[in-house]
Amino acid sequence: MKSANPENEYIPLNLRISVRRDTLRLISEMAQDMGISINEVFSFLAEDSVIDLELMEDLNNIDIPSKCSLDDLKKALLKKRLC
């Protein structure tokens, strides 16, 4: 596929990932229903999962802890919803 922006061209990647058997079955069915390859399904899923990141504020100012408690996570989610 070609993009209007030459800096935004598709770059082929050879990835090795592990998914559960049920996940692979669902993705395989999705690919068949759409008439595309499993690789294309994963490509679309990856694109969709990050599409909104460009619209978010500067990600350099976001602190991501290495771990947190369930209560800390709940508080952070509530705080984000209230802002």
Protein backbone atom coordinates (compact mmCIF):
# COMPACT_ATOMS: atom_id res chain seq x y z
CA MET A 1 0.00 0.00 0.00
CA LYS A 2 1.14 3.53 -0.74
CA SER A 3 0.65 6.52 1.50
CA ALA A 4 0.28 10.15 0.47
CA ASN A 5 3.02 11.00 2.96
CA PRO A 6 6.34 9.39 1.86
CA GLU A 7 7.52 9.33 5.49
CA ASN A 8 4.50 7.17 6.34
CA GLU A 9 5.16 4.23 4.00
CA TYR A 10 4.41 0.70 5.15
CA ILE A 11 7.51 -1.13 6.36
CA PRO A 12 7.42 -4.94 6.16
CA LEU A 13 8.33 -6.63 9.45
CA ASN A 14 8.93 -10.29 10.11
CA LEU A 15 7.61 -10.89 13.61
CA ARG A 16 7.39 -13.96 15.76
CA ILE A 17 4.59 -13.79 18.31
CA SER A 18 2.75 -16.23 20.54
CA VAL A 19 -1.02 -16.25 20.87
CA ARG A 20 -3.43 -18.66 22.46
CA ARG A 21 -4.97 -21.32 20.23
CA ASP A 22 -8.45 -19.73 20.56
CA THR A 23 -7.04 -16.33 19.62
CA LEU A 24 -5.40 -17.75 16.51
CA ARG A 25 -8.65 -19.48 15.55
CA LEU A 26 -10.60 -16.23 15.86
CA ILE A 27 -8.00 -14.24 13.92
CA SER A 28 -7.91 -16.92 11.23
CA GLU A 29 -11.72 -16.78 10.94
CA MET A 30 -11.56 -12.99 10.80
CA ALA A 31 -8.99 -13.15 8.00
CA GLN A 32 -11.11 -15.62 6.03
CA ASP A 33 -14.26 -13.51 6.47
CA MET A 34 -12.40 -10.40 5.29
CA GLY A 35 -10.62 -12.20 2.46
CA ILE A 36 -7.17 -11.18 3.71
CA SER A 37 -4.16 -12.89 5.24
CA ILE A 38 -3.53 -13.37 8.95
CA ASN A 39 -0.54 -11.04 8.58
CA GLU A 40 -2.85 -8.32 7.29
CA VAL A 41 -5.22 -8.82 10.23
CA PHE A 42 -2.33 -8.36 12.67
CA SER A 43 -1.19 -5.31 10.71
CA PHE A 44 -4.66 -3.73 10.94
CA LEU A 45 -4.90 -4.58 14.65
CA ALA A 46 -1.51 -2.96 15.31
CA GLU A 47 -2.47 0.15 13.33
CA ASP A 48 -5.81 0.46 15.11
CA SER A 49 -4.25 0.05 18.54
CA VAL A 50 -1.94 3.05 18.12
CA ILE A 51 -3.93 5.33 15.81
CA ASP A 52 -5.05 7.63 18.65
CA LEU A 53 -1.58 7.97 20.15
CA GLU A 54 -0.72 10.68 17.62
CA LEU A 55 -3.65 12.72 18.92
CA MET A 56 -2.64 12.42 22.57
CA GLU A 57 -0.52 14.90 24.46
CA ASP A 58 3.24 14.54 24.51
CA LEU A 59 3.89 10.97 25.67
CA ASN A 60 7.29 11.93 27.06
CA ASN A 61 5.55 13.53 30.05
CA ILE A 62 3.69 10.35 30.99
CA ASP A 63 5.20 8.32 33.83
CA ILE A 64 4.62 4.59 33.44
CA PRO A 65 5.43 2.68 36.64
CA SER A 66 7.02 -0.76 36.49
CA LYS A 67 4.23 -2.06 38.73
CA CYS A 68 1.29 -0.78 40.77
CA SER A 69 -1.37 -2.09 43.10
CA LEU A 70 -4.92 -2.69 41.99
CA ASP A 71 -6.03 0.26 44.16
CA ASP A 72 -3.46 2.56 42.52
CA LEU A 73 -4.71 1.50 39.10
CA LYS A 74 -8.33 2.16 40.07
CA LYS A 75 -7.42 5.61 41.44
CA ALA A 76 -5.50 6.50 38.28
CA LEU A 77 -8.41 5.44 36.06
CA LEU A 78 -10.91 7.42 38.14
CA LYS A 79 -8.65 10.47 38.07
CA LYS A 80 -8.31 10.22 34.28
CA ARG A 81 -12.11 10.03 33.86
CA LEU A 82 -12.67 13.05 36.08
CA CYS A 83 -10.20 15.26 34.19
